PDB file of N, CA and C in Angstrom:
ATOM      1  N   UNK A   1       0.710  -1.271   0.034  1.00  0.00           N
ATOM      2  CA  UNK A   1       0.050   0.141   0.124  1.00  0.00           C
ATOM      3  C   UNK A   1       0.805   1.308  -0.318  1.00  0.00           C
ATOM      4  N   UNK A   2       1.797   1.253   0.957  1.00  0.00           N
ATOM      5  CA  UNK A   2       2.622   2.692   0.922  1.00  0.00           C
ATOM      6  C   UNK A   2       3.607   2.424  -0.075  1.00  0.00           C
ATOM      7  N   UNK A   3       3.940   1.580  -0.662  1.00  0.00           N
ATOM      8  CA  UNK A   3       5.027   1.342  -1.785  1.00  0.00           C
ATOM      9  C   UNK A   3       4.549   2.306  -3.057  1.00  0.00           C
ATOM     10  N   UNK A   4       3.289   1.970  -3.169  1.00  0.00           N
ATOM     11  CA  UNK A   4       2.675   3.135  -4.409  1.00  0.00           C
ATOM     12  C   UNK A   4       2.621   4.365  -4.209  1.00  0.00           C
ATOM     13  N   UNK A   5       2.428   4.848  -3.039  1.00  0.00           N
ATOM     14  CA  UNK A   5       2.396   6.102  -2.378  1.00  0.00           C
ATOM     15  C   UNK A   5       4.089   6.745  -2.499  1.00  0.00           C
ATOM     16  N   UNK A   6       4.744   5.684  -1.963  1.00  0.00           N
ATOM     17  CA  UNK A   6       6.147   6.186  -1.984  1.00  0.00           C
ATOM     18  C   UNK A   6       6.395   6.343  -3.618  1.00  0.00           C
ATOM     19  N   UNK A   7       6.265   5.602  -4.438  1.00  0.00           N
ATOM     20  CA  UNK A   7       6.662   5.930  -6.154  1.00  0.00           C
ATOM     21  C   UNK A   7       6.181   6.901  -6.282  1.00  0.00           C
ATOM     22  N   UNK A   8       4.941   7.182  -6.311  1.00  0.00           N
ATOM     23  CA  UNK A   8       4.244   8.466  -6.727  1.00  0.00           C
ATOM     24  C   UNK A   8       4.863   9.889  -6.176  1.00  0.00           C
ATOM     25  N   UNK A   9       5.274   9.918  -5.025  1.00  0.00           N
ATOM     26  CA  UNK A   9       5.707  10.932  -4.168  1.00  0.00           C
ATOM     27  C   UNK A   9       7.171  10.955  -4.642  1.00  0.00           C
ATOM     28  N   UNK A  10       7.961  10.266  -4.872  1.00  0.00           N
ATOM     29  CA  UNK A  10       9.455  10.074  -5.434  1.00  0.00           C
ATOM     30  C   UNK A  10       9.183  10.543  -6.952  1.00  0.00           C
ATOM     31  N   UNK A  11       8.416  10.206  -7.840  1.00  0.00           N
ATOM     32  CA  UNK A  11       8.106  10.598  -9.230  1.00  0.00           C
ATOM     33  C   UNK A  11       7.499  12.299  -9.386  1.00  0.00           C
ATOM     34  N   UNK A  12       6.703  12.752  -8.267  1.00  0.00           N
ATOM     35  CA  UNK A  12       6.480  14.082  -8.017  1.00  0.00           C
ATOM     36  C   UNK A  12       7.459  14.877  -7.762  1.00  0.00           C
ATOM     37  N   UNK A  13       8.453  14.252  -6.892  1.00  0.00           N
ATOM     38  CA  UNK A  13       9.370  15.187  -6.158  1.00  0.00           C
ATOM     39  C   UNK A  13      10.505  15.366  -7.058  1.00  0.00           C
ATOM     40  N   UNK A  14      10.610  14.555  -8.100  1.00  0.00           N
ATOM     41  CA  UNK A  14      11.778  14.684  -9.122  1.00  0.00           C
ATOM     42  C   UNK A  14      11.264  16.019  -9.958  1.00  0.00           C
ATOM     43  N   UNK A  15      10.425  16.186 -10.244  1.00  0.00           N
ATOM     44  CA  UNK A  15       9.753  17.377 -10.890  1.00  0.00           C
ATOM     45  C   UNK A  15       9.417  18.697 -10.015  1.00  0.00           C
ATOM     46  N   UNK A  16       9.373  18.531  -8.683  1.00  0.00           N
ATOM     47  CA  UNK A  16       9.052  19.490  -7.790  1.00  0.00           C
ATOM     48  C   UNK A  16       9.288  19.295  -6.335  1.00  0.00           C
ATOM     49  N   UNK A  17      10.348  20.148  -5.764  1.00  0.00           N
ATOM     50  CA  UNK A  17      10.645  19.882  -4.463  1.00  0.00           C
ATOM     51  C   UNK A  17       9.551  20.813  -3.505  1.00  0.00           C
ATOM     52  N   UNK A  18       9.105  20.197  -2.394  1.00  0.00           N
ATOM     53  CA  UNK A  18       7.925  20.791  -1.879  1.00  0.00           C
ATOM     54  C   UNK A  18       8.068  20.119  -0.152  1.00  0.00           C
ATOM     55  N   UNK A  19       8.022  21.274   0.515  1.00  0.00           N
ATOM     56  CA  UNK A  19       8.031  20.809   2.167  1.00  0.00           C
ATOM     57  C   UNK A  19       7.238  19.603   2.553  1.00  0.00           C
ATOM     58  N   UNK A  20       5.934  19.959   1.957  1.00  0.00           N
ATOM     59  CA  UNK A  20       4.702  19.012   2.552  1.00  0.00           C
ATOM     60  C   UNK A  20       5.269  17.575   1.437  1.00  0.00           C
ATOM     61  N   UNK A  21       5.444  17.664   0.555  1.00  0.00           N
ATOM     62  CA  UNK A  21       5.840  16.267  -0.163  1.00  0.00           C
ATOM     63  C   UNK A  21       6.698  15.297   0.384  1.00  0.00           C
ATOM     64  N   UNK A  22       8.016  16.177   0.842  1.00  0.00           N
ATOM     65  CA  UNK A  22       9.053  15.467   1.483  1.00  0.00           C
ATOM     66  C   UNK A  22       8.771  14.921   2.725  1.00  0.00           C
ATOM     67  N   UNK A  23       7.865  15.567   3.386  1.00  0.00           N
ATOM     68  CA  UNK A  23       7.296  15.133   4.940  1.00  0.00           C
ATOM     69  C   UNK A  23       6.484  13.794   4.659  1.00  0.00           C
ATOM     70  N   UNK A  24       5.545  13.912   3.568  1.00  0.00           N
ATOM     71  CA  UNK A  24       4.669  12.786   3.267  1.00  0.00           C
ATOM     72  C   UNK A  24       5.562  11.487   2.904  1.00  0.00           C
ATOM     73  N   UNK A  25       6.493  11.826   1.965  1.00  0.00           N
ATOM     74  CA  UNK A  25       7.314  10.832   1.843  1.00  0.00           C
ATOM     75  C   UNK A  25       8.157  10.106   2.945  1.00  0.00           C
ATOM     76  N   UNK A  26       8.455  11.095   3.874  1.00  0.00           N
ATOM     77  CA  UNK A  26       9.419  10.717   5.417  1.00  0.00           C
ATOM     78  C   UNK A  26       8.187   9.700   6.107  1.00  0.00           C
ATOM     79  N   UNK A  27       7.064  10.126   6.149  1.00  0.00           N
ATOM     80  CA  UNK A  27       5.926   9.669   6.870  1.00  0.00           C
ATOM     81  C   UNK A  27       5.858   8.134   6.242  1.00  0.00           C
ATOM     82  N   UNK A  28       5.909   8.141   4.801  1.00  0.00           N
ATOM     83  CA  UNK A  28       5.477   6.810   4.345  1.00  0.00           C
ATOM     84  C   UNK A  28       6.719   5.867   4.382  1.00  0.00           C
ATOM     85  N   UNK A  29       8.015   6.467   4.335  1.00  0.00           N
ATOM     86  CA  UNK A  29       9.382   5.397   4.621  1.00  0.00           C
ATOM     87  C   UNK A  29       9.262   5.010   5.755  1.00  0.00           C
ATOM     88  N   UNK A  30       8.702   6.040   7.038  1.00  0.00           N
ATOM     89  CA  UNK A  30       8.841   5.562   8.248  1.00  0.00           C
ATOM     90  C   UNK A  30       8.020   4.330   8.575  1.00  0.00           C
ATOM     91  N   UNK A  31       6.600   4.526   7.915  1.00  0.00           N
ATOM     92  CA  UNK A  31       5.760   3.193   7.919  1.00  0.00           C
ATOM     93  C   UNK A  31       6.129   1.965   7.158  1.00  0.00           C
ATOM     94  N   UNK A  32       7.188   1.937   6.597  1.00  0.00           N
ATOM     95  CA  UNK A  32       7.593   0.561   6.018  1.00  0.00           C
ATOM     96  C   UNK A  32       9.332   0.493   6.543  1.00  0.00           C
ATOM     97  N   UNK A  33       9.391   1.051   7.501  1.00  0.00           N
ATOM     98  CA  UNK A  33      10.766   0.829   8.186  1.00  0.00           C
ATOM     99  C   UNK A  33      11.946   1.204   7.563  1.00  0.00           C
ATOM    100  N   UNK A  34      11.879   2.039   6.482  1.00  0.00           N
ATOM    101  CA  UNK A  34      13.202   2.696   5.873  1.00  0.00           C
ATOM    102  C   UNK A  34      13.552   3.823   6.454  1.00  0.00           C
ATOM    103  N   UNK A  35      14.145   3.837   7.649  1.00  0.00           N
ATOM    104  CA  UNK A  35      14.265   4.700   8.783  1.00  0.00           C
ATOM    105  C   UNK A  35      15.411   6.125   8.396  1.00  0.00           C
ATOM    106  N   UNK A  36      16.412   5.583   7.529  1.00  0.00           N
ATOM    107  CA  UNK A  36      17.269   6.370   7.354  1.00  0.00           C
ATOM    108  C   UNK A  36      16.842   7.351   6.097  1.00  0.00           C
ATOM    109  N   UNK A  37      16.245   6.475   5.179  1.00  0.00           N
ATOM    110  CA  UNK A  37      15.587   7.409   4.158  1.00  0.00           C
ATOM    111  C   UNK A  37      14.397   8.544   4.833  1.00  0.00           C
ATOM    112  N   UNK A  38      13.787   7.809   5.514  1.00  0.00           N
ATOM    113  CA  UNK A  38      12.549   8.817   6.184  1.00  0.00           C
ATOM    114  C   UNK A  38      13.315   9.947   6.888  1.00  0.00           C
ATOM    115  N   UNK A  39      14.489  10.006   7.662  1.00  0.00           N
ATOM    116  CA  UNK A  39      15.106  11.056   8.084  1.00  0.00           C
ATOM    117  C   UNK A  39      15.596  11.822   7.112  1.00  0.00           C
ATOM    118  N   UNK A  40      16.338  11.368   6.081  1.00  0.00           N
ATOM    119  CA  UNK A  40      16.712  12.239   4.918  1.00  0.00           C
ATOM    120  C   UNK A  40      15.540  13.085   4.594  1.00  0.00           C
ATOM    121  N   UNK A  41      14.349  12.487   4.106  1.00  0.00           N
ATOM    122  CA  UNK A  41      13.230  13.387   3.748  1.00  0.00           C
ATOM    123  C   UNK A  41      12.468  14.320   4.890  1.00  0.00           C
ATOM    124  N   UNK A  42      12.583  13.886   6.121  1.00  0.00           N
ATOM    125  CA  UNK A  42      12.381  15.091   7.040  1.00  0.00           C
ATOM    126  C   UNK A  42      13.372  16.160   6.988  1.00  0.00           C
ATOM    127  N   UNK A  43      14.745  15.950   6.978  1.00  0.00           N
ATOM    128  CA  UNK A  43      15.769  16.853   6.932  1.00  0.00           C
ATOM    129  C   UNK A  43      15.508  17.782   5.641  1.00  0.00           C
ATOM    130  N   UNK A  44      15.057  17.220   4.788  1.00  0.00           N
ATOM    131  CA  UNK A  44      15.152  18.111   3.631  1.00  0.00           C
ATOM    132  C   UNK A  44      13.705  18.890   3.474  1.00  0.00           C
ATOM    133  N   UNK A  45      12.598  18.596   4.054  1.00  0.00           N
ATOM    134  CA  UNK A  45      11.364  19.120   4.538  1.00  0.00           C
ATOM    135  C   UNK A  45      11.835  20.279   5.259  1.00  0.00           C
ATOM    136  N   UNK A  46      12.671  20.213   6.334  1.00  0.00           N
ATOM    137  CA  UNK A  46      13.149  21.192   7.379  1.00  0.00           C
ATOM    138  C   UNK A  46      13.723  22.207   6.843  1.00  0.00           C
ATOM    139  N   UNK A  47      14.675  21.821   5.765  1.00  0.00           N
ATOM    140  CA  UNK A  47      15.604  22.642   5.136  1.00  0.00           C
ATOM    141  C   UNK A  47      14.621  23.673   4.297  1.00  0.00           C
ATOM    142  N   UNK A  48      13.586  23.236   3.721  1.00  0.00           N
ATOM    143  CA  UNK A  48      12.604  23.972   2.949  1.00  0.00           C
ATOM    144  C   UNK A  48      11.808  24.804   3.742  1.00  0.00           C
ATOM    145  N   UNK A  49      11.297  24.464   4.974  1.00  0.00           N
ATOM    146  CA  UNK A  49      10.681  25.169   5.985  1.00  0.00           C
ATOM    147  C   UNK A  49      11.038  24.752   7.409  1.00  0.00           C
ATOM    148  N   UNK A  50      11.767  25.334   7.784  1.00  0.00           N
ATOM    149  CA  UNK A  50      12.494  25.161   9.267  1.00  0.00           C
ATOM    150  C   UNK A  50      11.445  25.094  10.456  1.00  0.00           C
ATOM    151  N   UNK A  51      10.360  26.031  10.159  1.00  0.00           N
ATOM    152  CA  UNK A  51       9.071  26.100  10.980  1.00  0.00           C
ATOM    153  C   UNK A  51       7.932  25.155  11.061  1.00  0.00           C
ATOM    154  N   UNK A  52       8.289  24.331   9.859  1.00  0.00           N
ATOM    155  CA  UNK A  52       7.035  23.267   9.563  1.00  0.00           C
ATOM    156  C   UNK A  52       7.228  22.178  10.850  1.00  0.00           C
ATOM    157  N   UNK A  53       5.799  22.264  11.684  1.00  0.00           N
ATOM    158  CA  UNK A  53       5.758  21.765  12.915  1.00  0.00           C
ATOM    159  C   UNK A  53       5.823  20.254  12.498  1.00  0.00           C
ATOM    160  N   UNK A  54       4.950  19.499  11.541  1.00  0.00           N
ATOM    161  CA  UNK A  54       4.922  18.281  11.534  1.00  0.00           C
ATOM    162  C   UNK A  54       5.757  17.435  10.898  1.00  0.00           C
ATOM    163  N   UNK A  55       6.951  18.324  10.284  1.00  0.00           N
ATOM    164  CA  UNK A  55       8.386  17.615   9.926  1.00  0.00           C
ATOM    165  C   UNK A  55       9.174  17.685  11.237  1.00  0.00           C
ATOM    166  N   UNK A  56       9.024  18.723  12.120  1.00  0.00           N
ATOM    167  CA  UNK A  56       9.370  18.391  13.236  1.00  0.00           C
ATOM    168  C   UNK A  56       9.148  17.420  14.149  1.00  0.00           C
ATOM    169  N   UNK A  57       7.808  16.876  14.039  1.00  0.00           N
ATOM    170  CA  UNK A  57       7.541  15.949  14.824  1.00  0.00           C
ATOM    171  C   UNK A  57       7.653  14.599  14.214  1.00  0.00           C
ATOM    172  N   UNK A  58       7.628  14.542  13.218  1.00  0.00           N
ATOM    173  CA  UNK A  58       8.347  13.504  12.393  1.00  0.00           C
ATOM    174  C   UNK A  58       9.525  12.971  12.664  1.00  0.00           C
ATOM    175  N   UNK A  59      10.438  14.237  12.790  1.00  0.00           N
ATOM    176  CA  UNK A  59      11.887  13.789  12.903  1.00  0.00           C
ATOM    177  C   UNK A  59      11.837  13.510  14.353  1.00  0.00           C
ATOM    178  N   UNK A  60      11.048  13.927  15.485  1.00  0.00           N
ATOM    179  CA  UNK A  60      11.362  13.722  16.739  1.00  0.00           C
ATOM    180  C   UNK A  60      10.954  12.188  16.898  1.00  0.00           C
ATOM    181  N   UNK A  61      10.197  11.757  16.104  1.00  0.00           N
ATOM    182  CA  UNK A  61       9.266  10.370  16.305  1.00  0.00           C
ATOM    183  C   UNK A  61      10.492   9.398  15.826  1.00  0.00           C
ATOM    184  N   UNK A  62      11.289   9.873  14.923  1.00  0.00           N
ATOM    185  CA  UNK A  62      12.273   8.915  14.116  1.00  0.00           C
ATOM    186  C   UNK A  62      13.295   8.892  15.244  1.00  0.00           C
ATOM    187  N   UNK A  63      13.879   9.901  15.890  1.00  0.00           N
ATOM    188  CA  UNK A  63      14.750  10.075  16.656  1.00  0.00           C
ATOM    189  C   UNK A  63      14.326   8.912  18.107  1.00  0.00           C
ATOM    190  N   UNK A  64      13.272   9.009  18.357  1.00  0.00           N
ATOM    191  CA  UNK A  64      12.733   7.883  19.386  1.00  0.00           C
ATOM    192  C   UNK A  64      12.763   6.619  19.048  1.00  0.00           C
ATOM    193  N   UNK A  65      12.397   6.194  17.845  1.00  0.00           N
ATOM    194  CA  UNK A  65      12.178   4.886  17.234  1.00  0.00           C
ATOM    195  C   UNK A  65      13.643   4.680  16.800  1.00  0.00           C
ATOM    196  N   UNK A  66      14.614   5.329  16.204  1.00  0.00           N
ATOM    197  CA  UNK A  66      15.875   5.030  15.726  1.00  0.00           C
ATOM    198  C   UNK A  66      16.830   4.136  16.779  1.00  0.00           C
ATOM    199  N   UNK A  67      16.831   4.739  17.977  1.00  0.00           N
ATOM    200  CA  UNK A  67      17.645   4.332  18.983  1.00  0.00           C
ATOM    201  C   UNK A  67      17.308   2.753  19.461  1.00  0.00           C
ATOM    202  N   UNK A  68      16.364   2.366  19.695  1.00  0.00           N
ATOM    203  CA  UNK A  68      15.931   0.944  20.016  1.00  0.00           C
ATOM    204  C   UNK A  68      16.007   0.138  18.812  1.00  0.00           C
ATOM    205  N   UNK A  69      15.653   0.581  17.823  1.00  0.00           N
ATOM    206  CA  UNK A  69      15.671  -0.290  16.263  1.00  0.00           C
ATOM    207  C   UNK A  69      17.004  -0.762  16.039  1.00  0.00           C
ATOM    208  N   UNK A  70      17.860   0.233  16.294  1.00  0.00           N
ATOM    209  CA  UNK A  70      19.259   0.053  15.867  1.00  0.00           C
ATOM    210  C   UNK A  70      19.888  -0.853  16.520  1.00  0.00           C
ATOM    211  N   UNK A  71      19.555  -0.670  17.761  1.00  0.00           N
ATOM    212  CA  UNK A  71      20.019  -1.997  18.780  1.00  0.00           C
ATOM    213  C   UNK A  71      19.505  -3.412  18.480  1.00  0.00           C
ATOM    214  N   UNK A  72      18.411  -3.277  18.153  1.00  0.00           N
ATOM    215  CA  UNK A  72      17.523  -4.563  17.730  1.00  0.00           C
ATOM    216  C   UNK A  72      17.888  -4.933  16.277  1.00  0.00           C
ATOM    217  N   UNK A  73      18.250  -4.110  15.252  1.00  0.00           N
ATOM    218  CA  UNK A  73      18.567  -4.592  14.126  1.00  0.00           C
ATOM    219  C   UNK A  73      19.895  -5.148  14.055  1.00  0.00           C
ATOM    220  N   UNK A  74      20.802  -4.713  15.043  1.00  0.00           N
ATOM    221  CA  UNK A  74      22.484  -5.207  14.813  1.00  0.00           C
ATOM    222  C   UNK A  74      22.147  -6.572  15.580  1.00  0.00           C
ATOM    223  N   UNK A  75      21.442  -6.839  16.759  1.00  0.00           N
ATOM    224  CA  UNK A  75      21.455  -8.088  17.321  1.00  0.00           C
ATOM    225  C   UNK A  75      20.805  -8.844  16.155  1.00  0.00           C
ATOM    226  N   UNK A  76      19.728  -8.670  15.672  1.00  0.00           N
ATOM    227  CA  UNK A  76      19.166  -9.545  14.860  1.00  0.00           C
ATOM    228  C   UNK A  76      20.015  -9.802  13.287  1.00  0.00           C
ATOM    229  N   UNK A  77      20.965  -8.934  12.794  1.00  0.00           N
ATOM    230  CA  UNK A  77      21.785  -9.134  11.879  1.00  0.00           C
ATOM    231  C   UNK A  77      23.011 -10.034  12.011  1.00  0.00           C
ATOM    232  N   UNK A  78      23.400  -9.836  13.651  1.00  0.00           N
ATOM    233  CA  UNK A  78      24.307 -10.754  13.946  1.00  0.00           C
ATOM    234  C   UNK A  78      24.177 -12.213  14.058  1.00  0.00           C
ATOM    235  N   UNK A  79      22.528 -12.450  14.356  1.00  0.00           N
ATOM    236  CA  UNK A  79      22.092 -13.859  14.322  1.00  0.00           C
ATOM    237  C   UNK A  79      21.974 -14.165  13.165  1.00  0.00           C
ATOM    238  N   UNK A  80      21.655 -13.450  12.067  1.00  0.00           N
ATOM    239  CA  UNK A  80      21.354 -14.162  10.801  1.00  0.00           C
ATOM    240  C   UNK A  80      22.777 -14.415  10.075  1.00  0.00           C
ATOM    241  N   UNK A  81      23.812 -13.662  10.621  1.00  0.00           N
ATOM    242  CA  UNK A  81      25.177 -14.146   9.976  1.00  0.00           C
ATOM    243  C   UNK A  81      25.723 -15.444   9.941  1.00  0.00           C
ATOM    244  N   UNK A  82      25.120 -16.204  11.176  1.00  0.00           N
ATOM    245  CA  UNK A  82      25.618 -17.120  11.483  1.00  0.00           C
ATOM    246  C   UNK A  82      25.182 -18.736  10.673  1.00  0.00           C
ATOM    247  N   UNK A  83      24.944 -19.872  11.068  1.00  0.00           N
ATOM    248  CA  UNK A  83      24.629 -20.954  10.399  1.00  0.00           C
ATOM    249  C   UNK A  83      23.425 -20.875   9.548  1.00  0.00           C
ATOM    250  N   UNK A  84      22.310 -19.860  10.323  1.00  0.00           N
ATOM    251  CA  UNK A  84      20.929 -19.951   9.913  1.00  0.00           C
ATOM    252  C   UNK A  84      20.927 -19.471   8.506  1.00  0.00           C
ATOM    253  N   UNK A  85      22.012 -18.563   8.264  1.00  0.00           N
ATOM    254  CA  UNK A  85      21.717 -18.135   6.475  1.00  0.00           C
ATOM    255  C   UNK A  85      22.346 -19.210   5.785  1.00  0.00           C
ATOM    256  N   UNK A  86      23.386 -19.660   6.117  1.00  0.00           N
ATOM    257  CA  UNK A  86      23.848 -21.050   5.272  1.00  0.00           C
ATOM    258  C   UNK A  86      22.996 -22.125   4.926  1.00  0.00           C
ATOM    259  N   UNK A  87      22.265 -22.201   6.132  1.00  0.00           N
ATOM    260  CA  UNK A  87      21.185 -23.413   5.870  1.00  0.00           C
ATOM    261  C   UNK A  87      20.188 -23.273   5.014  1.00  0.00           C
ATOM    262  N   UNK A  88      19.959 -21.664   4.988  1.00  0.00           N
ATOM    263  CA  UNK A  88      18.616 -21.460   4.168  1.00  0.00           C
ATOM    264  C   UNK A  88      19.248 -21.819   2.584  1.00  0.00           C
ATOM    265  N   UNK A  89      20.556 -21.123   2.534  1.00  0.00           N
ATOM    266  CA  UNK A  89      21.380 -21.351   0.959  1.00  0.00           C
ATOM    267  C   UNK A  89      21.337 -22.661   0.411  1.00  0.00           C
ATOM    268  N   UNK A  90      21.955 -23.505   1.710  1.00  0.00           N
ATOM    269  CA  UNK A  90      21.824 -25.094   1.277  1.00  0.00           C
ATOM    270  C   UNK A  90      20.641 -25.712   0.714  1.00  0.00           C
ATOM    271  N   UNK A  91      19.502 -25.011   1.498  1.00  0.00           N
ATOM    272  CA  UNK A  91      18.256 -25.531   1.255  1.00  0.00           C
ATOM    273  C   UNK A  91      17.707 -25.389   0.060  1.00  0.00           C
ATOM    274  N   UNK A  92      18.125 -24.070  -0.466  1.00  0.00           N
ATOM    275  CA  UNK A  92      17.357 -23.416  -1.793  1.00  0.00           C
ATOM    276  C   UNK A  92      18.248 -24.395  -3.098  1.00  0.00           C
ATOM    277  N   UNK A  93      19.544 -24.439  -2.703  1.00  0.00           N
ATOM    278  CA  UNK A  93      20.136 -25.481  -3.784  1.00  0.00           C
ATOM    279  C   UNK A  93      19.833 -26.845  -3.807  1.00  0.00           C
ATOM    280  N   UNK A  94      19.452 -27.120  -2.762  1.00  0.00           N
ATOM    281  CA  UNK A  94      18.794 -28.940  -2.636  1.00  0.00           C
ATOM    282  C   UNK A  94      17.525 -28.824  -3.392  1.00  0.00           C
ATOM    283  N   UNK A  95      16.827 -27.863  -3.160  1.00  0.00           N
ATOM    284  CA  UNK A  95      15.615 -27.582  -3.766  1.00  0.00           C
ATOM    285  C   UNK A  95      15.440 -27.606  -5.162  1.00  0.00           C
ATOM    286  N   UNK A  96      16.653 -26.812  -5.723  1.00  0.00           N
ATOM    287  CA  UNK A  96      16.787 -26.544  -7.049  1.00  0.00           C
ATOM    288  C   UNK A  96      17.199 -27.881  -7.764  1.00  0.00           C
ATOM    289  N   UNK A  97      18.315 -28.809  -7.227  1.00  0.00           N
ATOM    290  CA  UNK A  97      18.771 -30.056  -7.342  1.00  0.00           C
ATOM    291  C   UNK A  97      17.457 -30.707  -7.799  1.00  0.00           C
ATOM    292  N   UNK A  98      16.540 -30.775  -6.831  1.00  0.00           N
ATOM    293  CA  UNK A  98      15.401 -31.826  -7.037  1.00  0.00           C
ATOM    294  C   UNK A  98      14.556 -31.618  -7.978  1.00  0.00           C
ATOM    295  N   UNK A  99      14.394 -30.183  -8.293  1.00  0.00           N
ATOM    296  CA  UNK A  99      13.445 -29.719  -9.648  1.00  0.00           C
ATOM    297  C   UNK A  99      14.060 -30.112 -10.660  1.00  0.00           C
ATOM    298  N   UNK A 100      15.647 -29.993 -10.741  1.00  0.00           N
ATOM    299  CA  UNK A 100      16.362 -30.161 -12.171  1.00  0.00           C
ATOM    300  C   UNK A 100      16.152 -31.593 -12.154  1.00  0.00           C
ATOM    301  N   UNK A 101      16.205 -32.753 -11.206  1.00  0.00           N
ATOM    302  CA  UNK A 101      16.159 -34.264 -11.336  1.00  0.00           C
ATOM    303  C   UNK A 101      14.564 -34.484 -12.018  1.00  0.00           C
ATOM    304  N   UNK A 102      13.708 -33.661 -11.316  1.00  0.00           N
ATOM    305  CA  UNK A 102      12.252 -34.144 -11.773  1.00  0.00           C
ATOM    306  C   UNK A 102      12.138 -33.428 -13.360  1.00  0.00           C
ATOM    307  N   UNK A 103      12.388 -32.473 -13.701  1.00  0.00           N
ATOM    308  CA  UNK A 103      12.417 -32.068 -15.163  1.00  0.00           C
ATOM    309  C   UNK A 103      13.208 -33.164 -15.826  1.00  0.00           C
ATOM    310  N   UNK A 104      14.154 -33.519 -15.431  1.00  0.00           N
ATOM    311  CA  UNK A 104      14.994 -34.522 -16.690  1.00  0.00           C
ATOM    312  C   UNK A 104      14.125 -35.833 -16.873  1.00  0.00           C
ATOM    313  N   UNK A 105      13.566 -36.058 -15.640  1.00  0.00           N
ATOM    314  CA  UNK A 105      12.688 -37.286 -15.545  1.00  0.00           C
ATOM    315  C   UNK A 105      11.456 -37.348 -16.562  1.00  0.00           C
ATOM    316  N   UNK A 106      10.881 -36.131 -16.227  1.00  0.00           N
ATOM    317  CA  UNK A 106       9.825 -35.997 -17.155  1.00  0.00           C
ATOM    318  C   UNK A 106       9.947 -35.740 -18.576  1.00  0.00           C
ATOM    319  N   UNK A 107      11.237 -35.332 -18.975  1.00  0.00           N
ATOM    320  CA  UNK A 107      11.773 -34.791 -20.450  1.00  0.00           C
ATOM    321  C   UNK A 107      11.843 -36.625 -21.032  1.00  0.00           C
ATOM    322  N   UNK A 108      12.225 -37.531 -20.079  1.00  0.00           N
ATOM    323  CA  UNK A 108      12.547 -38.841 -20.755  1.00  0.00           C
ATOM    324  C   UNK A 108      11.145 -39.562 -21.199  1.00  0.00           C
ATOM    325  N   UNK A 109      10.241 -39.342 -20.601  1.00  0.00           N
ATOM    326  CA  UNK A 109       8.896 -39.943 -20.861  1.00  0.00           C
ATOM    327  C   UNK A 109       8.157 -39.597 -22.110  1.00  0.00           C
TER     328      UNK A 109
END
């Protein structure tokens, strides 16, 4: 749902830079957990209008969310770098091999 809005806002911003559009894009990016891009959009909005209260609120919301999320993301990232990721890749390879065997078998008939 937000992806279409993000695409529309980015296309519009390519032709017209506007505080409200940057703020809206920041809100949408926040909703899909694209935190760094959201901060960037709020910063652009505030550079265009330093008194825009909603952009200030969005930036403050990001600051509150960013600190706990960074710690969580780092922990999750460390966990994923271990054997879990390798196991997923091995499973994918074996599944591909099984499909290849079946295709050859079907081709023989």
